[in-house]
Amino acid sequence: MQGENIKLEQNCPATLIPAGDEVILKQGSEYHVSQALGGSVTLRDSSGLFRVSSTNLHLIGPEFFNSAVEEPQIQSEGELNEDDIWNALKQCFDPEIPVNIVDLGLIYDLRIVDYDDGTKGVDVKMTLTATGCGMGPTIAADAQSKIEALPNISKSKVEIVWEPAWNPRMISEEGKAKLGLE
């Protein structure tokens, strides 16, 4: 569906990019699908960009909801390890950039926490590509939900930090290849 134009069959809640404001996209409005990754969709019209979360994909239209855009399932067997968490975070995307937050270099620290009651948690420190981006809470919440979908995680905390400041040199080789920056 990415790259196609769609007409909304009903009103749909969305997040205005990059401000982060909640808006309602009106039934009958037409949009271009800019990005469909990690279980969310970025729509564009002449007024801007809008992120539709996985919980609202069904409002775009049944053919869209049933497409390959559905949120990937994270599979983890046995004892939790860091690779499981990194893989979960690779399912999170900046709604303006078709590269996951790990390959963008936004994740600065990841720690598995063992609690006294025997449960495990995860603490993550991440940044954004721009300090004024209102999408920070949305991206952090997406990362947190992907982590908490893993088995054996009792809770997670995703903190947005600004030091060191992000720059394009932090993008992984895979991310650079996807963006044509090689």
Protein backbone atom coordinates (compact mmCIF):
# COMPACT_ATOMS: atom_id res chain seq x y z
CA MET A 1 0.00 0.00 0.00
CA GLN A 2 3.01 2.28 0.43
CA GLY A 3 3.11 4.80 -2.42
CA GLU A 4 -0.63 4.49 -3.12
CA ASN A 5 -3.40 7.03 -2.70
CA ILE A 6 -6.34 6.25 -0.45
CA LYS A 7 -9.67 7.83 0.40
CA LEU A 8 -10.79 7.51 4.01
CA GLU A 9 -13.99 5.56 4.49
CA GLN A 10 -14.53 7.04 7.97
CA ASN A 11 -13.02 9.54 10.39
CA CYS A 12 -9.64 8.42 11.71
CA PRO A 13 -7.58 9.63 14.70
CA ALA A 14 -3.98 10.43 13.78
CA THR A 15 -0.94 12.30 15.03
CA LEU A 16 0.25 15.42 13.19
CA ILE A 17 3.93 15.09 12.23
CA PRO A 18 6.23 16.58 13.54
CA ALA A 19 4.14 18.57 16.06
CA GLY A 20 2.75 15.47 17.79
CA ASP A 21 -0.77 16.94 18.08
CA GLU A 22 -3.74 14.57 17.93
CA VAL A 23 -6.06 15.26 14.99
CA ILE A 24 -9.02 13.63 13.27
CA LEU A 25 -8.64 12.87 9.56
CA LYS A 26 -12.05 13.35 7.98
CA GLN A 27 -14.04 10.74 6.12
CA GLY A 28 -13.82 11.20 2.35
CA SER A 29 -10.42 12.95 2.50
CA GLU A 30 -7.70 11.68 0.18
CA TYR A 31 -4.14 10.90 1.28
CA HIS A 32 -0.94 9.52 -0.15
CA VAL A 33 0.61 6.62 1.82
CA SER A 34 4.18 7.82 2.48
CA GLN A 35 5.29 5.04 4.76
CA ALA A 36 3.84 1.81 6.13
CA LEU A 37 6.36 0.30 8.54
CA GLY A 38 6.39 -1.21 12.02
CA GLY A 39 2.62 -1.39 12.29
CA SER A 40 1.88 2.29 11.70
CA VAL A 41 1.20 4.31 8.58
CA THR A 42 2.26 7.80 7.56
CA LEU A 43 -0.23 9.63 5.35
CA ARG A 44 0.41 12.84 3.44
CA ASP A 45 -1.85 15.48 1.95
CA SER A 46 -1.35 19.11 0.97
CA SER A 47 -1.57 20.17 4.64
CA GLY A 48 1.13 17.84 5.97
CA LEU A 49 2.02 14.42 7.35
CA PHE A 50 -0.05 12.27 9.71
CA ARG A 51 0.77 9.06 11.60
CA VAL A 52 -1.99 6.48 12.00
CA SER A 53 -1.23 4.02 14.80
CA SER A 54 -1.70 0.26 14.57
CA THR A 55 -4.85 0.52 16.70
CA ASN A 56 -6.51 2.74 14.07
CA LEU A 57 -5.43 1.03 10.83
CA HIS A 58 -8.86 -0.57 10.49
CA LEU A 59 -10.32 2.94 10.08
CA ILE A 60 -8.29 3.55 6.92
CA GLY A 61 -10.08 0.69 5.17
CA PRO A 62 -10.37 -3.08 5.41
CA GLU A 63 -7.97 -3.76 2.55
CA PHE A 64 -5.33 -1.71 4.33
CA PHE A 65 -5.80 -3.29 7.73
CA ASN A 66 -5.51 -6.78 6.26
CA SER A 67 -2.42 -5.93 4.22
CA ALA A 68 1.19 -6.75 5.04
CA VAL A 69 1.38 -3.57 7.13
CA GLU A 70 0.15 -5.36 10.24
CA GLU A 71 2.51 -5.06 13.17
CA PRO A 72 5.14 -7.83 13.12
CA GLN A 73 5.03 -10.35 15.93
CA ILE A 74 8.17 -10.59 18.03
CA GLN A 75 9.15 -14.17 18.79
CA SER A 76 11.29 -14.88 21.81
CA GLU A 77 11.92 -18.27 23.32
CA GLY A 78 13.53 -19.08 26.63
CA GLU A 79 15.47 -16.60 28.71
CA LEU A 80 15.24 -12.93 27.75
CA ASN A 81 18.38 -11.52 26.17
CA GLU A 82 19.48 -8.20 24.72
CA ASP A 83 19.13 -9.41 21.14
CA ASP A 84 15.38 -9.89 21.69
CA ILE A 85 15.07 -6.30 22.84
CA TRP A 86 17.18 -4.88 20.00
CA ASN A 87 15.06 -6.86 17.53
CA ALA A 88 11.87 -5.48 19.10
CA LEU A 89 13.22 -1.93 18.83
CA LYS A 90 14.02 -2.52 15.16
CA GLN A 91 10.24 -2.69 14.66
CA CYS A 92 9.93 1.01 15.63
CA PHE A 93 10.20 3.66 12.92
CA ASP A 94 10.42 7.40 12.80
CA PRO A 95 7.24 8.27 10.87
CA GLU A 96 9.16 10.57 8.52
CA ILE A 97 12.17 8.33 7.83
CA PRO A 98 11.91 4.75 6.50
CA VAL A 99 14.64 3.47 8.84
CA ASN A 100 14.11 1.88 12.25
CA ILE A 101 15.16 3.74 15.39
CA VAL A 102 18.08 1.36 16.04
CA ASP A 103 19.61 1.85 12.59
CA LEU A 104 18.98 5.60 12.83
CA GLY A 105 21.26 5.59 15.89
CA LEU A 106 18.57 6.87 18.24
CA ILE A 107 19.09 4.24 20.95
CA TYR A 108 21.89 5.31 23.28
CA ASP A 109 21.55 2.79 26.10
CA LEU A 110 19.65 -0.41 26.80
CA ARG A 111 19.70 -2.28 30.12
CA ILE A 112 17.88 -5.33 31.40
CA VAL A 113 16.86 -4.78 35.03
CA ASP A 114 16.38 -7.67 37.47
CA TYR A 115 13.81 -6.84 40.16
CA ASP A 116 13.76 -8.28 43.67
CA ASP A 117 10.52 -10.16 42.95
CA GLY A 118 12.23 -12.12 40.14
CA THR A 119 10.69 -10.18 37.27
CA LYS A 120 12.64 -8.33 34.59
CA GLY A 121 12.36 -4.88 33.14
CA VAL A 122 14.11 -2.87 30.47
CA ASP A 123 15.41 0.69 30.66
CA VAL A 124 16.20 2.47 27.40
CA LYS A 125 17.69 5.87 26.72
CA MET A 126 16.95 7.24 23.28
CA THR A 127 17.13 10.50 21.42
CA LEU A 128 15.42 12.03 18.40
CA THR A 129 16.78 13.43 15.16
CA ALA A 130 15.64 16.94 16.19
CA THR A 131 15.11 18.45 19.63
CA GLY A 132 11.90 20.22 18.61
CA CYS A 133 10.21 17.07 17.32
CA GLY A 134 6.80 16.63 18.92
CA MET A 135 6.76 12.96 17.90
CA GLY A 136 9.15 12.00 20.72
CA PRO A 137 6.46 10.75 23.11
CA THR A 138 4.80 8.78 20.28
CA ILE A 139 8.05 7.11 19.20
CA ALA A 140 9.03 6.39 22.83
CA ALA A 141 5.59 4.87 23.54
CA ASP A 142 5.90 2.72 20.41
CA ALA A 143 9.32 1.49 21.59
CA GLN A 144 7.95 0.78 25.06
CA SER A 145 5.00 -1.22 23.70
CA LYS A 146 7.30 -3.28 21.46
CA ILE A 147 9.53 -4.09 24.44
CA GLU A 148 6.59 -4.93 26.72
CA ALA A 149 5.21 -7.29 24.07
CA LEU A 150 8.19 -9.56 24.74
CA PRO A 151 7.59 -12.42 27.15
CA ASN A 152 9.04 -12.16 30.65
CA ILE A 153 9.09 -8.33 30.73
CA SER A 154 7.19 -6.85 33.66
CA LYS A 155 7.77 -3.21 32.70
CA SER A 156 9.95 -0.92 30.65
CA LYS A 157 11.01 2.69 30.71
CA VAL A 158 12.01 4.64 27.60
CA GLU A 159 13.62 7.97 28.43
CA ILE A 160 14.33 10.63 25.81
CA VAL A 161 17.75 12.24 26.28
CA TRP A 162 19.56 14.94 24.31
CA GLU A 163 23.21 14.26 25.10
CA PRO A 164 25.04 13.57 22.97
CA ALA A 165 23.12 15.40 20.25
CA TRP A 166 22.12 13.12 17.38
CA ASN A 167 23.78 13.59 14.00
CA PRO A 168 23.64 11.65 10.71
CA ARG A 169 26.99 9.95 11.42
CA MET A 170 25.11 7.86 14.02
CA ILE A 171 23.12 6.06 11.31
CA SER A 172 24.22 2.43 10.86
CA GLU A 173 25.59 1.17 7.55
CA GLU A 174 22.27 -0.62 6.96
CA GLY A 175 20.36 2.61 7.61
CA LYS A 176 22.65 4.58 5.28
CA ALA A 177 22.08 2.00 2.55
CA LYS A 178 18.28 2.29 2.93
CA LEU A 179 18.51 6.07 2.71
CA GLY A 180 20.96 6.01 -0.21
CA LEU A 181 23.69 7.70 1.85
CA GLU A 182 26.50 5.24 1.12
